[in-house]
């Protein structure tokens, strides 16, 4: 299952990252994303509604649901019990990573330094999150840090916009990008699901227009 999840993320190229306050908005949000051609979402454990939202989304066929901002093994257990298919952490926790590997749960741990990427390699991982990408120099910094790690794939997340998305997806070592502009807190609060569909469709069209290796 692990390789299947990463293959699917690579096909989609985009992971909507969502902090949801009201679990009742989860199901229509998932439907809105899928309608826009983006059947994938990462629900962050930054709100009390996260587990319930994951549970609601996991019931939707063909929607790939992950859990983000996972800090502990207990978070992993809650996420997986509610239907999450992959785990994303903001930093590198050897305990969380080892638990996920042992239980064959796909995980992309947060990394920012060569030391953390090396730790991921030592744990047998082939893909990591690069976070927070924009605030520490964006694609230029990612390319510099990734240079010694040609075997590693990255999912840059943190501050990416439609204007900067292309530069990341052109880089061959980028598997996919995490972004929140498609499902902002304001859109969710206003239950503007048609707008979420519209933004998802535009994001997908943009991502599909970018050729890996184009300018990297």
Protein backbone atom coordinates (compact mmCIF):
# COMPACT_ATOMS: atom_id res chain seq x y z
CA UNK A 1 0.00 0.00 0.00
CA UNK A 2 2.85 2.38 0.74
CA UNK A 3 4.10 2.50 -2.85
CA UNK A 4 0.53 2.82 -4.13
CA UNK A 5 -0.08 5.90 -2.01
CA UNK A 6 3.08 7.64 -3.18
CA UNK A 7 2.39 6.71 -6.79
CA UNK A 8 -1.05 8.27 -6.48
CA UNK A 9 0.32 11.44 -4.86
CA UNK A 10 2.82 11.71 -7.70
CA UNK A 11 0.02 11.43 -10.23
CA UNK A 12 -2.08 14.09 -8.50
CA UNK A 13 0.91 16.45 -7.94
CA UNK A 14 -1.09 18.44 -5.37
CA UNK A 15 -2.16 17.79 -1.79
CA UNK A 16 -4.75 20.20 -0.35
CA UNK A 17 -3.74 20.82 3.27
CA UNK A 18 -6.75 21.65 5.43
CA UNK A 19 -7.29 22.71 9.03
CA UNK A 20 -11.00 22.14 9.52
CA UNK A 21 -12.98 23.60 12.40
CA UNK A 22 -16.38 22.08 11.63
CA UNK A 23 -16.46 18.38 10.79
CA UNK A 24 -19.84 18.78 9.09
CA UNK A 25 -18.05 20.63 6.29
CA UNK A 26 -15.70 17.72 5.62
CA UNK A 27 -17.87 15.57 3.36
CA UNK A 28 -19.02 18.38 1.04
CA UNK A 29 -15.44 19.70 0.96
CA UNK A 30 -14.17 16.30 -0.17
CA UNK A 31 -16.86 16.16 -2.84
CA UNK A 32 -15.93 19.67 -3.98
CA UNK A 33 -12.25 18.76 -4.32
CA UNK A 34 -13.06 15.59 -6.23
CA UNK A 35 -15.39 17.52 -8.52
CA UNK A 36 -12.45 19.80 -9.30
CA UNK A 37 -10.31 16.81 -10.27
CA UNK A 38 -8.36 16.66 -7.01
CA UNK A 39 -9.52 13.59 -5.03
CA UNK A 40 -7.01 14.01 -2.23
CA UNK A 41 -6.78 15.88 1.07
CA UNK A 42 -4.56 16.13 4.13
CA UNK A 43 -6.47 16.99 7.31
CA UNK A 44 -4.20 18.52 9.92
CA UNK A 45 -4.42 17.69 13.61
CA UNK A 46 -4.56 21.38 14.46
CA UNK A 47 -8.23 21.34 15.40
CA UNK A 48 -10.52 19.23 17.54
CA UNK A 49 -12.54 18.31 14.44
CA UNK A 50 -9.65 16.54 12.69
CA UNK A 51 -10.50 12.93 13.57
CA UNK A 52 -14.19 13.32 12.77
CA UNK A 53 -13.36 15.05 9.50
CA UNK A 54 -11.00 12.25 8.48
CA UNK A 55 -13.69 9.70 9.30
CA UNK A 56 -16.27 11.49 7.15
CA UNK A 57 -13.87 11.90 4.23
CA UNK A 58 -12.64 8.30 4.38
CA UNK A 59 -16.15 7.12 3.57
CA UNK A 60 -15.96 8.73 0.14
CA UNK A 61 -14.88 6.31 -2.60
CA UNK A 62 -11.67 7.12 -4.49
CA UNK A 63 -10.74 9.97 -2.14
CA UNK A 64 -7.20 9.67 -0.79
CA UNK A 65 -7.25 10.99 2.79
CA UNK A 66 -4.20 11.70 4.91
CA UNK A 67 -3.50 13.15 8.33
CA UNK A 68 -1.10 16.03 8.88
CA UNK A 69 0.50 17.79 11.85
CA UNK A 70 0.89 14.33 13.40
CA UNK A 71 3.09 14.68 16.47
CA UNK A 72 2.69 11.42 18.37
CA UNK A 73 2.09 7.71 17.90
CA UNK A 74 -1.31 8.24 19.49
CA UNK A 75 -2.11 10.75 16.72
CA UNK A 76 -1.13 8.10 14.17
CA UNK A 77 -3.42 5.52 15.77
CA UNK A 78 -6.37 7.92 15.87
CA UNK A 79 -5.80 8.98 12.26
CA UNK A 80 -5.52 5.43 10.92
CA UNK A 81 -8.47 4.20 13.00
CA UNK A 82 -10.55 6.92 11.36
CA UNK A 83 -9.45 5.98 7.85
CA UNK A 84 -6.33 8.01 7.05
CA UNK A 85 -4.19 6.35 4.39
CA UNK A 86 -1.01 8.36 4.92
CA UNK A 87 0.67 10.33 7.70
CA UNK A 88 2.47 13.68 7.49
CA UNK A 89 4.52 15.15 10.32
CA UNK A 90 5.88 18.70 10.67
CA UNK A 91 9.26 17.46 11.90
CA UNK A 92 11.25 14.25 12.11
CA UNK A 93 10.20 12.06 15.04
CA UNK A 94 12.15 8.77 15.05
CA UNK A 95 9.46 7.19 17.25
CA UNK A 96 6.60 8.14 14.94
CA UNK A 97 8.53 7.21 11.80
CA UNK A 98 9.57 3.83 13.21
CA UNK A 99 6.00 3.06 14.31
CA UNK A 100 4.63 3.86 10.84
CA UNK A 101 7.30 1.78 9.12
CA UNK A 102 6.67 -1.15 11.47
CA UNK A 103 2.94 -1.01 10.75
CA UNK A 104 3.37 -0.32 7.02
CA UNK A 105 1.71 3.08 7.22
CA UNK A 106 2.87 5.52 4.52
CA UNK A 107 4.58 8.50 6.13
CA UNK A 108 6.24 11.69 4.90
CA UNK A 109 8.09 13.21 7.86
CA UNK A 110 8.91 16.89 7.90
CA UNK A 111 12.53 17.70 7.08
CA UNK A 112 14.43 20.93 6.61
CA UNK A 113 18.12 20.04 6.91
CA UNK A 114 20.56 17.56 5.37
CA UNK A 115 20.78 15.88 8.77
CA UNK A 116 17.03 15.21 8.85
CA UNK A 117 17.03 13.96 5.26
CA UNK A 118 19.90 11.62 6.15
CA UNK A 119 17.85 10.34 9.10
CA UNK A 120 15.00 9.62 6.71
CA UNK A 121 17.33 7.66 4.44
CA UNK A 122 18.60 5.67 7.41
CA UNK A 123 14.99 4.71 8.15
CA UNK A 124 14.57 3.50 4.58
CA UNK A 125 12.29 6.32 3.41
CA UNK A 126 12.28 7.58 -0.15
CA UNK A 127 10.03 10.63 0.22
CA UNK A 128 9.94 13.42 2.80
CA UNK A 129 8.07 16.63 3.39
CA UNK A 130 10.12 19.82 2.98
CA UNK A 131 8.66 22.33 5.43
CA UNK A 132 8.22 25.29 5.75
CA UNK A 133 9.49 25.72 2.21
CA UNK A 134 8.67 29.30 1.26
CA UNK A 135 9.76 30.97 4.49
CA UNK A 136 13.25 29.46 4.33
CA UNK A 137 14.11 30.33 0.75
CA UNK A 138 11.70 28.43 -1.49
CA UNK A 139 12.75 26.37 -4.48
CA UNK A 140 16.31 27.76 -4.48
CA UNK A 141 16.91 26.43 -0.97
CA UNK A 142 15.24 23.10 -1.73
CA UNK A 143 17.46 22.54 -4.76
CA UNK A 144 20.58 23.33 -2.77
CA UNK A 145 19.67 21.01 0.09
CA UNK A 146 18.40 18.25 -2.22
CA UNK A 147 21.54 18.21 -4.37
CA UNK A 148 23.39 15.48 -2.38
CA UNK A 149 20.21 13.39 -2.12
CA UNK A 150 19.35 12.46 -5.69
CA UNK A 151 17.56 9.33 -4.46
CA UNK A 152 15.07 11.30 -2.34
CA UNK A 153 11.71 12.71 -3.40
CA UNK A 154 10.24 15.79 -1.70
CA UNK A 155 6.80 17.18 -0.95
CA UNK A 156 7.39 20.89 -0.34
CA UNK A 157 4.72 22.51 1.81
CA UNK A 158 4.29 25.86 3.52
CA UNK A 159 3.37 29.09 1.76
CA UNK A 160 3.16 27.72 -1.79
CA UNK A 161 0.81 29.67 -4.08
CA UNK A 162 -0.34 29.26 -7.69
CA UNK A 163 2.39 31.77 -8.58
CA UNK A 164 5.18 29.67 -7.07
CA UNK A 165 3.79 26.19 -7.74
CA UNK A 166 5.39 25.85 -11.16
CA UNK A 167 8.95 26.32 -9.95
CA UNK A 168 8.52 23.43 -7.52
CA UNK A 169 6.82 21.00 -9.88
CA UNK A 170 9.47 21.63 -12.54
CA UNK A 171 12.07 20.24 -10.14
CA UNK A 172 12.40 16.51 -10.84
CA UNK A 173 12.87 15.57 -7.19
CA UNK A 174 9.49 17.03 -6.22
CA UNK A 175 6.81 14.33 -6.03
CA UNK A 176 3.93 16.68 -5.22
CA UNK A 177 3.25 19.96 -3.43
CA UNK A 178 1.12 20.67 -0.39
CA UNK A 179 -1.01 23.80 -0.48
CA UNK A 180 -3.88 25.40 1.39
CA UNK A 181 -5.08 28.07 -1.05
CA UNK A 182 -7.69 25.73 -2.57
CA UNK A 183 -9.42 25.22 0.79
CA UNK A 184 -8.84 28.26 2.96
CA UNK A 185 -10.43 28.68 6.38
CA UNK A 186 -12.53 31.50 4.96
CA UNK A 187 -13.94 29.31 2.18
CA UNK A 188 -14.77 26.55 4.64
CA UNK A 189 -16.35 28.93 7.12
CA UNK A 190 -18.52 30.35 4.35
CA UNK A 191 -19.21 26.84 3.01
CA UNK A 192 -18.21 28.06 -0.44
CA UNK A 193 -17.86 24.60 -1.90
CA UNK A 194 -18.40 25.73 -5.51
CA UNK A 195 -15.45 28.06 -5.10
CA UNK A 196 -13.34 25.21 -3.70
CA UNK A 197 -14.19 23.16 -6.79
CA UNK A 198 -13.23 26.08 -9.02
CA UNK A 199 -9.89 26.63 -7.29
CA UNK A 200 -9.13 22.91 -7.30
CA UNK A 201 -9.82 22.70 -11.02
CA UNK A 202 -7.57 25.67 -11.74
CA UNK A 203 -4.82 24.19 -9.58
CA UNK A 204 -5.05 20.83 -11.37
CA UNK A 205 -4.94 22.51 -14.78
CA UNK A 206 -1.89 24.49 -13.70
CA UNK A 207 -0.11 21.44 -12.29
CA UNK A 208 -0.82 19.40 -15.42
CA UNK A 209 0.62 22.15 -17.62
CA UNK A 210 4.02 21.93 -15.89
CA UNK A 211 6.66 19.58 -17.21
CA UNK A 212 9.08 18.13 -14.64
CA UNK A 213 12.60 19.11 -15.53
CA UNK A 214 11.39 22.07 -17.54
CA UNK A 215 13.61 24.60 -15.83
CA UNK A 216 15.32 22.70 -13.03
